[in-house]
Amino acid sequence: MTTTKTSARTPARSQTLPLNSILAGDCIEVMNGLPEASVDLIFADPPYNLQLRGELHRPDNSRVDAVDDAWDQFGSFAAYDRFTRDWLAAARRLLKPTGAIWVIGSYHNIFRVGAELQNQGYWILNDVVWRKSNPMPNFRGKRLTNAHETLIWASKAEGAKYTFNYEALKSLNEGIQMRSDWNLPICTGGERLKDAEGGKAHPTQKPESLLHRVLVGTTNPGDVVLDPFFGTGTTGAVAKMLGRDWIGIEREAAYREVAERRLARVRRLDAAALATTTSKRAEPRIPFGQVVERGMLRPGEELVSLSGRHTARVRADGSVIGRDVKGSIHQVGAALEGAPSCNGWTYWHFRRDGKMIPIDILRQQIRAEMAETA
């Protein structure tokens, strides 16, 4: 089981990565003390700089528990921009070349953050609209109800190879390609952490469903996830559950205490539960020649197209010949169909006991054997 540790000191540059720990202190100073290029993903929920003017009340005159903490207040846009520049620079230094960052914000700050991301050389991959299914109403009736927040997903640089588990997100979405508008509820009920007085432990606690989607989609088990604005530890809790290592940075002692208690209750899922649907592109490449070499199909054996209209013969070198066309299983299938391309693995079938079986079955058998011996 992962142990949660809290450190009150900024780690030295020579120190090993303090995995599965909450680090106390200013996020910029702490990040600058961590090893360079050591983190796979950063999820950042920075201060929004809400610029609130006075208290907000409901129609019954009860006060709305809005974000009015000192950590969210900056003297000017220029001060906020300096802060954004400095923490994004520290974050970029920590990312591996294959690393990526998610930043979440509201209309108050996300556009300023997005501009600075581009200024520093990050490459924006998507912006995601988190559409809240249960937003706070607009009590004054002078603006539209603010029903969404925006997340920016960016790689460390243009052309960088980042993690994207496309098939896993598609599976989360019942087999439909995941879109960039996510309809998820805000953190309420039993998930909302409370302080000793029964109030919100943190005014902007994010729902675990949001972090679950981010981490399943853009990290793998064993990856290192850093949250420089850790708060009450949602990122760490979901990372621990999903088998990712995590590092949290939080300067407020009260939030650290809540996060420590929360993380102590989290149990990591077992290996079978952590497995996700993988992309076919990520599976090992199997040449058709291996099928022939291993005697799973014999030279001279007949292959039949999916429609039954075309046939081809297997050759000793792993090529096939059909009519007057010879080449790979893909080339011959495309030529016979008059198509620009063809997936020969699903196009060609062989006969066994009177049944037509796709040759892809043989490829999957080889892959399964490789996985067993890995």
Protein backbone atom coordinates (compact mmCIF):
# COMPACT_ATOMS: atom_id res chain seq x y z
CA MET A 1 0.00 0.00 0.00
CA THR A 2 1.24 3.49 -0.84
CA THR A 3 2.25 5.57 2.15
CA THR A 4 1.48 9.27 2.19
CA LYS A 5 4.27 11.47 3.49
CA THR A 6 4.37 15.18 4.16
CA SER A 7 7.60 17.15 3.89
CA ALA A 8 7.91 20.66 5.26
CA ARG A 9 11.19 21.36 3.44
CA THR A 10 11.84 22.23 -0.18
CA PRO A 11 13.65 19.18 -1.65
CA ALA A 12 17.23 19.70 -2.82
CA ARG A 13 17.98 19.29 -6.51
CA SER A 14 20.09 16.20 -5.83
CA GLN A 15 17.28 14.52 -3.91
CA THR A 16 15.46 11.61 -5.47
CA LEU A 17 11.88 12.17 -6.57
CA PRO A 18 9.65 12.22 -3.44
CA LEU A 19 6.93 9.95 -4.79
CA ASN A 20 3.54 9.68 -3.10
CA SER A 21 4.25 12.64 -0.82
CA ILE A 22 2.62 15.97 -0.06
CA LEU A 23 5.31 18.67 -0.14
CA ALA A 24 4.74 21.79 1.93
CA GLY A 25 5.65 25.21 0.58
CA ASP A 26 5.39 27.58 -2.35
CA CYS A 27 4.76 25.58 -5.52
CA ILE A 28 7.34 27.46 -7.60
CA GLU A 29 10.13 27.03 -5.05
CA VAL A 30 9.29 23.37 -4.50
CA MET A 31 9.09 22.58 -8.23
CA ASN A 32 12.43 24.30 -8.83
CA GLY A 33 13.95 21.93 -6.28
CA LEU A 34 12.71 18.73 -7.93
CA PRO A 35 14.73 16.76 -10.51
CA GLU A 36 14.44 18.01 -14.08
CA ALA A 37 12.47 15.95 -16.66
CA SER A 38 11.11 13.59 -14.00
CA VAL A 39 7.32 13.90 -14.31
CA ASP A 40 4.93 12.33 -16.84
CA LEU A 41 1.87 14.50 -16.25
CA ILE A 42 1.01 17.69 -14.39
CA PHE A 43 -2.56 18.47 -13.40
CA ALA A 44 -2.82 22.07 -12.24
CA ASP A 45 -5.80 23.82 -10.67
CA PRO A 46 -4.21 27.24 -10.03
CA PRO A 47 -5.85 30.21 -8.28
CA TYR A 48 -8.55 31.65 -10.54
CA ASN A 49 -8.06 35.29 -9.47
CA LEU A 50 -11.83 35.68 -9.34
CA GLN A 51 -11.79 39.45 -8.71
CA LEU A 52 -14.85 39.23 -6.46
CA ARG A 53 -16.27 42.54 -5.29
CA GLY A 54 -18.17 42.22 -2.02
CA GLU A 55 -20.25 39.33 -0.72
CA LEU A 56 -22.73 37.34 -2.80
CA HIS A 57 -26.16 36.45 -1.37
CA ARG A 58 -29.00 34.17 -2.41
CA PRO A 59 -32.57 35.49 -2.82
CA ASP A 60 -33.29 34.45 0.80
CA ASN A 61 -30.35 36.69 1.85
CA SER A 62 -28.16 33.76 2.90
CA ARG A 63 -24.49 34.23 2.04
CA VAL A 64 -22.96 32.19 -0.78
CA ASP A 65 -19.79 30.35 0.24
CA ALA A 66 -17.68 31.67 -2.64
CA VAL A 67 -13.92 31.67 -3.14
CA ASP A 68 -12.61 34.63 -1.14
CA ASP A 69 -9.44 33.11 0.34
CA ALA A 70 -6.18 35.06 0.35
CA TRP A 71 -4.49 32.51 -1.94
CA ASP A 72 -6.90 33.47 -4.75
CA GLN A 73 -6.26 37.21 -4.55
CA PHE A 74 -3.72 39.14 -6.61
CA GLY A 75 -3.10 42.87 -6.67
CA SER A 76 -3.36 43.19 -10.46
CA PHE A 77 -3.49 41.27 -13.71
CA ALA A 78 0.23 41.95 -14.07
CA ALA A 79 0.91 40.26 -10.73
CA TYR A 80 -1.20 37.27 -11.72
CA ASP A 81 0.60 37.04 -15.07
CA ARG A 82 3.99 37.01 -13.33
CA PHE A 83 2.82 34.23 -11.06
CA THR A 84 1.47 32.25 -14.04
CA ARG A 85 4.70 32.70 -15.99
CA ASP A 86 6.84 31.50 -13.08
CA TRP A 87 4.87 28.40 -12.14
CA LEU A 88 4.42 27.30 -15.77
CA ALA A 89 8.18 27.65 -16.35
CA ALA A 90 8.90 25.55 -13.25
CA ALA A 91 6.35 22.97 -14.39
CA ARG A 92 7.79 22.73 -17.90
CA ARG A 93 11.26 22.04 -16.51
CA LEU A 94 9.88 19.05 -14.61
CA LEU A 95 8.10 17.43 -17.55
CA LYS A 96 9.75 14.60 -19.41
CA PRO A 97 10.03 15.15 -23.20
CA THR A 98 6.95 12.93 -23.51
CA GLY A 99 5.16 14.71 -20.67
CA ALA A 100 2.01 16.81 -20.78
CA ILE A 101 0.05 19.25 -18.63
CA TRP A 102 -3.61 19.85 -17.86
CA VAL A 103 -4.65 23.25 -16.49
CA ILE A 104 -8.20 24.00 -15.38
CA GLY A 105 -9.68 27.46 -14.94
CA SER A 106 -12.64 29.77 -15.40
CA TYR A 107 -13.22 32.75 -17.66
CA HIS A 108 -11.38 34.87 -15.08
CA ASN A 109 -7.99 33.28 -15.76
CA ILE A 110 -7.93 30.52 -18.38
CA PHE A 111 -7.28 32.81 -21.35
CA ARG A 112 -4.30 34.41 -19.62
CA VAL A 113 -2.98 30.94 -18.73
CA GLY A 114 -3.50 29.71 -22.29
CA ALA A 115 -1.53 32.61 -23.75
CA GLU A 116 1.37 31.98 -21.36
CA LEU A 117 1.39 28.27 -22.21
CA GLN A 118 1.96 29.20 -25.83
CA ASN A 119 4.53 31.87 -24.93
CA GLN A 120 6.62 29.23 -23.16
CA GLY A 121 6.58 26.69 -25.98
CA TYR A 122 3.92 24.29 -24.75
CA TRP A 123 1.82 22.86 -27.59
CA ILE A 124 -1.94 22.97 -26.96
CA LEU A 125 -3.58 19.65 -27.86
CA ASN A 126 -7.18 20.31 -26.83
CA ASP A 127 -9.30 22.59 -24.75
CA VAL A 128 -12.03 20.72 -22.90
CA VAL A 129 -15.26 22.24 -21.66
CA TRP A 130 -16.32 20.70 -18.36
CA ARG A 131 -20.05 21.29 -18.48
CA LYS A 132 -21.39 21.09 -14.95
CA SER A 133 -24.64 19.15 -14.75
CA ASN A 134 -25.49 20.89 -11.46
CA PRO A 135 -23.95 24.42 -11.55
CA MET A 136 -24.50 27.10 -8.93
CA PRO A 137 -27.35 29.40 -10.07
CA ASN A 138 -26.74 33.03 -10.97
CA PHE A 139 -28.39 34.78 -8.03
CA ARG A 140 -28.12 38.38 -9.23
CA GLY A 141 -29.64 37.74 -12.63
CA LYS A 142 -27.20 40.08 -14.37
CA ARG A 143 -25.22 37.45 -16.32
CA LEU A 144 -25.59 33.99 -17.79
CA THR A 145 -25.34 31.16 -15.28
CA ASN A 146 -21.68 30.15 -15.23
CA ALA A 147 -22.14 26.44 -15.97
CA HIS A 148 -18.72 25.34 -17.17
CA GLU A 149 -14.99 25.46 -16.63
CA THR A 150 -12.27 25.04 -19.24
CA LEU A 151 -9.34 22.64 -19.20
CA ILE A 152 -6.32 23.03 -21.48
CA TRP A 153 -4.32 19.92 -22.37
CA ALA A 154 -0.85 20.61 -23.76
CA SER A 155 2.31 18.67 -24.56
CA LYS A 156 5.72 19.98 -23.56
CA ALA A 157 6.54 21.02 -27.14
CA GLU A 158 5.23 20.81 -30.67
CA GLY A 159 5.74 17.34 -32.13
CA ALA A 160 6.35 15.70 -28.73
CA LYS A 161 5.13 12.14 -28.23
CA TYR A 162 2.58 12.30 -25.44
CA THR A 163 0.34 9.63 -23.90
CA PHE A 164 -3.19 9.41 -25.24
CA ASN A 165 -5.24 6.30 -24.49
CA TYR A 166 -7.82 6.82 -27.21
CA GLU A 167 -9.41 3.38 -26.93
CA ALA A 168 -9.68 3.61 -23.13
CA LEU A 169 -11.57 6.91 -23.33
CA LYS A 170 -13.76 5.49 -26.09
CA SER A 171 -14.56 2.55 -23.81
CA LEU A 172 -15.42 4.96 -20.97
CA ASN A 173 -17.89 6.57 -23.38
CA GLU A 174 -19.69 3.31 -24.32
CA GLY A 175 -17.73 2.78 -27.52
CA ILE A 176 -18.21 6.31 -28.84
CA GLN A 177 -15.25 8.59 -29.54
CA MET A 178 -14.65 10.88 -26.56
CA ARG A 179 -15.51 14.51 -27.29
CA SER A 180 -14.05 17.68 -25.84
CA ASP A 181 -17.23 18.59 -23.92
CA TRP A 182 -17.53 16.64 -20.68
CA ASN A 183 -20.82 16.63 -18.80
CA LEU A 184 -19.93 15.84 -15.18
CA PRO A 185 -21.43 16.99 -11.86
CA ILE A 186 -19.60 19.25 -9.45
CA CYS A 187 -18.33 17.81 -6.19
CA THR A 188 -21.29 17.39 -3.82
CA GLY A 189 -22.72 15.01 -1.24
CA GLY A 190 -20.48 12.44 0.40
CA GLU A 191 -17.58 13.28 -1.91
CA ARG A 192 -17.42 16.88 -0.66
CA LEU A 193 -14.89 17.00 2.15
CA LYS A 194 -15.83 18.97 5.27
CA ASP A 195 -13.82 20.82 7.90
CA ALA A 196 -14.24 20.52 11.66
CA GLU A 197 -17.12 23.02 11.61
CA GLY A 198 -18.99 21.13 8.89
CA GLY A 199 -18.20 23.63 6.13
CA LYS A 200 -16.40 22.95 2.86
CA ALA A 201 -12.83 21.88 3.49
CA HIS A 202 -11.87 23.54 0.19
CA PRO A 203 -14.01 25.90 -1.89
CA THR A 204 -12.93 24.51 -5.29
CA GLN A 205 -12.63 20.77 -4.66
CA LYS A 206 -12.82 18.99 -8.02
CA PRO A 207 -14.87 15.81 -8.53
CA GLU A 208 -12.98 12.54 -8.74
CA SER A 209 -14.81 11.73 -11.98
CA LEU A 210 -12.97 14.59 -13.70
CA LEU A 211 -9.53 13.38 -12.60
CA HIS A 212 -10.44 9.78 -13.41
CA ARG A 213 -11.10 10.74 -17.02
CA VAL A 214 -7.91 12.80 -17.28
CA LEU A 215 -5.65 10.12 -15.78
CA VAL A 216 -7.16 7.15 -17.61
CA GLY A 217 -6.93 9.06 -20.88
CA THR A 218 -3.45 10.57 -20.63
CA THR A 219 -1.34 8.45 -18.24
CA ASN A 220 -0.43 4.81 -17.72
CA PRO A 221 0.02 2.79 -14.51
CA GLY A 222 3.37 3.64 -12.94
CA ASP A 223 3.49 7.16 -14.41
CA VAL A 224 4.36 10.09 -12.14
CA VAL A 225 1.59 12.71 -11.77
CA LEU A 226 2.34 16.07 -10.13
CA ASP A 227 -0.26 18.49 -8.77
CA PRO A 228 1.34 21.83 -7.78
CA PHE A 229 -1.92 23.14 -6.24
CA PHE A 230 -2.83 19.97 -4.36
CA GLY A 231 -5.59 21.31 -2.13
CA THR A 232 -7.43 18.43 -0.48
CA GLY A 233 -5.78 15.85 -2.71
CA THR A 234 -8.23 14.82 -5.43
CA THR A 235 -5.42 14.27 -7.93
CA GLY A 236 -3.45 12.15 -5.49
CA ALA A 237 -6.48 10.10 -4.44
CA VAL A 238 -7.42 9.19 -8.01
CA ALA A 239 -3.78 8.61 -9.01
CA LYS A 240 -3.24 6.26 -6.07
CA MET A 241 -6.42 4.32 -6.86
CA LEU A 242 -5.39 3.98 -10.52
CA GLY A 243 -1.84 2.78 -9.82
CA ARG A 244 -0.04 6.02 -10.71
CA ASP A 245 2.64 7.57 -8.53
CA TRP A 246 1.89 11.13 -7.45
CA ILE A 247 3.42 14.21 -5.88
CA GLY A 248 1.37 16.99 -4.32
CA ILE A 249 2.50 20.51 -3.42
CA GLU A 250 0.39 22.52 -1.02
CA ARG A 251 1.31 25.53 1.14
CA GLU A 252 -1.83 25.58 3.33
CA ALA A 253 -1.46 23.30 6.36
CA ALA A 254 -5.21 22.84 6.77
CA TYR A 255 -5.56 21.46 3.23
CA ARG A 256 -2.58 19.15 3.71
CA GLU A 257 -4.13 17.67 6.84
CA VAL A 258 -7.39 16.93 5.04
CA ALA A 259 -5.52 15.45 2.07
CA GLU A 260 -3.42 13.18 4.30
CA ARG A 261 -6.49 11.72 5.98
CA ARG A 262 -8.20 11.29 2.62
CA LEU A 263 -5.25 9.53 0.98
CA ALA A 264 -4.83 7.16 3.91
CA ARG A 265 -8.29 5.78 3.11
CA VAL A 266 -7.61 5.18 -0.60
CA ARG A 267 -6.79 1.66 -1.79
CA ARG A 268 -4.99 0.95 -5.03
CA LEU A 269 -6.86 -1.20 -7.54
CA ASP A 270 -5.39 -4.61 -8.41
CA ALA A 271 -3.52 -5.18 -11.67
CA ALA A 272 -6.51 -6.69 -13.49
CA ALA A 273 -8.72 -3.72 -12.65
CA LEU A 274 -6.02 -1.25 -13.73
CA ALA A 275 -5.83 -2.67 -17.25
CA THR A 276 -7.48 -0.49 -19.90
CA THR A 277 -8.48 -0.93 -23.51
CA THR A 278 -5.45 -0.35 -25.70
CA SER A 279 -5.14 0.99 -29.21
CA LYS A 280 -4.53 -1.54 -31.96
CA ARG A 281 -1.62 0.65 -33.03
CA ALA A 282 0.06 -0.06 -29.70
CA GLU A 283 -0.05 -3.83 -30.17
CA PRO A 284 3.10 -5.56 -31.47
CA ARG A 285 3.38 -5.77 -35.24
CA ILE A 286 3.09 -9.34 -36.56
CA PRO A 287 4.19 -9.98 -40.17
CA PHE A 288 2.00 -12.41 -42.09
CA GLY A 289 5.20 -14.32 -42.80
CA GLN A 290 5.30 -15.42 -39.15
CA VAL A 291 1.98 -17.19 -39.63
CA VAL A 292 3.48 -19.10 -42.56
CA GLU A 293 6.81 -19.80 -40.82
CA ARG A 294 5.05 -21.31 -37.85
CA GLY A 295 2.90 -23.57 -40.01
CA MET A 296 -0.38 -21.96 -38.95
CA LEU A 297 -1.07 -21.62 -42.68
CA ARG A 298 0.77 -23.69 -45.29
CA PRO A 299 2.20 -22.52 -48.62
CA GLY A 300 -0.39 -23.20 -51.31
CA GLU A 301 -3.32 -22.90 -48.89
CA GLU A 302 -6.27 -20.94 -50.25
CA LEU A 303 -7.49 -17.69 -48.71
CA VAL A 304 -10.97 -16.37 -49.42
CA SER A 305 -12.11 -12.73 -49.26
CA LEU A 306 -14.73 -11.61 -46.77
CA SER A 307 -17.34 -11.42 -49.54
CA GLY A 308 -16.33 -14.77 -51.01
CA ARG A 309 -15.73 -13.19 -54.44
CA HIS A 310 -11.94 -13.42 -54.49
CA THR A 311 -9.34 -16.05 -53.62
CA ALA A 312 -5.58 -16.07 -53.22
CA ARG A 313 -2.87 -18.63 -52.51
CA VAL A 314 -0.33 -18.41 -49.70
CA ARG A 315 3.31 -18.40 -50.83
CA ALA A 316 6.34 -19.64 -48.91
CA ASP A 317 7.75 -16.14 -48.42
CA GLY A 318 4.61 -14.80 -46.75
CA SER A 319 3.23 -13.11 -49.86
CA VAL A 320 0.01 -14.18 -51.58
CA ILE A 321 -1.07 -14.42 -55.21
CA GLY A 322 -4.56 -13.93 -56.55
CA ARG A 323 -5.42 -13.96 -60.23
CA ASP A 324 -2.51 -12.08 -61.79
CA VAL A 325 -1.73 -10.03 -58.67
CA LYS A 326 0.93 -10.89 -56.11
CA GLY A 327 2.19 -9.09 -53.03
CA SER A 328 1.29 -8.71 -49.34
CA ILE A 329 -2.10 -9.68 -47.98
CA HIS A 330 -2.94 -5.96 -47.95
CA GLN A 331 -1.70 -5.19 -51.48
CA VAL A 332 -3.48 -8.11 -53.12
CA GLY A 333 -6.74 -7.45 -51.30
CA ALA A 334 -6.67 -3.78 -52.35
CA ALA A 335 -5.90 -4.68 -55.98
CA LEU A 336 -8.69 -7.25 -56.23
CA GLU A 337 -11.21 -4.83 -54.73
CA GLY A 338 -9.96 -1.85 -56.74
CA ALA A 339 -9.54 0.01 -53.49
CA PRO A 340 -6.74 2.38 -52.38
CA SER A 341 -6.03 0.25 -49.31
CA CYS A 342 -7.11 -2.92 -47.56
CA ASN A 343 -6.60 -4.46 -44.13
CA GLY A 344 -5.62 -7.94 -45.22
CA TRP A 345 -5.91 -9.35 -41.70
CA THR A 346 -9.66 -8.80 -41.61
CA TYR A 347 -10.21 -9.20 -45.39
CA TRP A 348 -8.80 -12.70 -45.86
CA HIS A 349 -10.24 -15.90 -44.36
CA PHE A 350 -9.22 -19.56 -44.35
CA ARG A 351 -11.36 -22.71 -44.12
CA ARG A 352 -11.31 -25.08 -41.15
CA ASP A 353 -13.91 -27.81 -40.67
CA GLY A 354 -16.21 -26.13 -43.15
CA LYS A 355 -16.04 -22.76 -41.40
CA MET A 356 -14.58 -19.47 -42.66
CA ILE A 357 -12.15 -18.02 -40.11
CA PRO A 358 -10.40 -14.62 -40.42
CA ILE A 359 -6.62 -14.87 -40.53
CA ASP A 360 -6.55 -12.18 -37.83
CA ILE A 361 -7.33 -14.97 -35.36
CA LEU A 362 -3.85 -16.36 -36.04
CA ARG A 363 -2.24 -12.95 -35.45
CA GLN A 364 -4.04 -12.58 -32.12
CA GLN A 365 -2.88 -16.05 -31.11
CA ILE A 366 0.76 -15.05 -31.68
CA ARG A 367 0.25 -11.80 -29.73
CA ALA A 368 -1.27 -13.70 -26.81
CA GLU A 369 1.72 -16.04 -26.71
CA MET A 370 4.08 -13.05 -26.76
CA ALA A 371 2.23 -11.46 -23.84
CA GLU A 372 2.50 -14.67 -21.79
CA THR A 373 6.26 -14.81 -22.20
CA ALA A 374 6.87 -11.06 -21.73
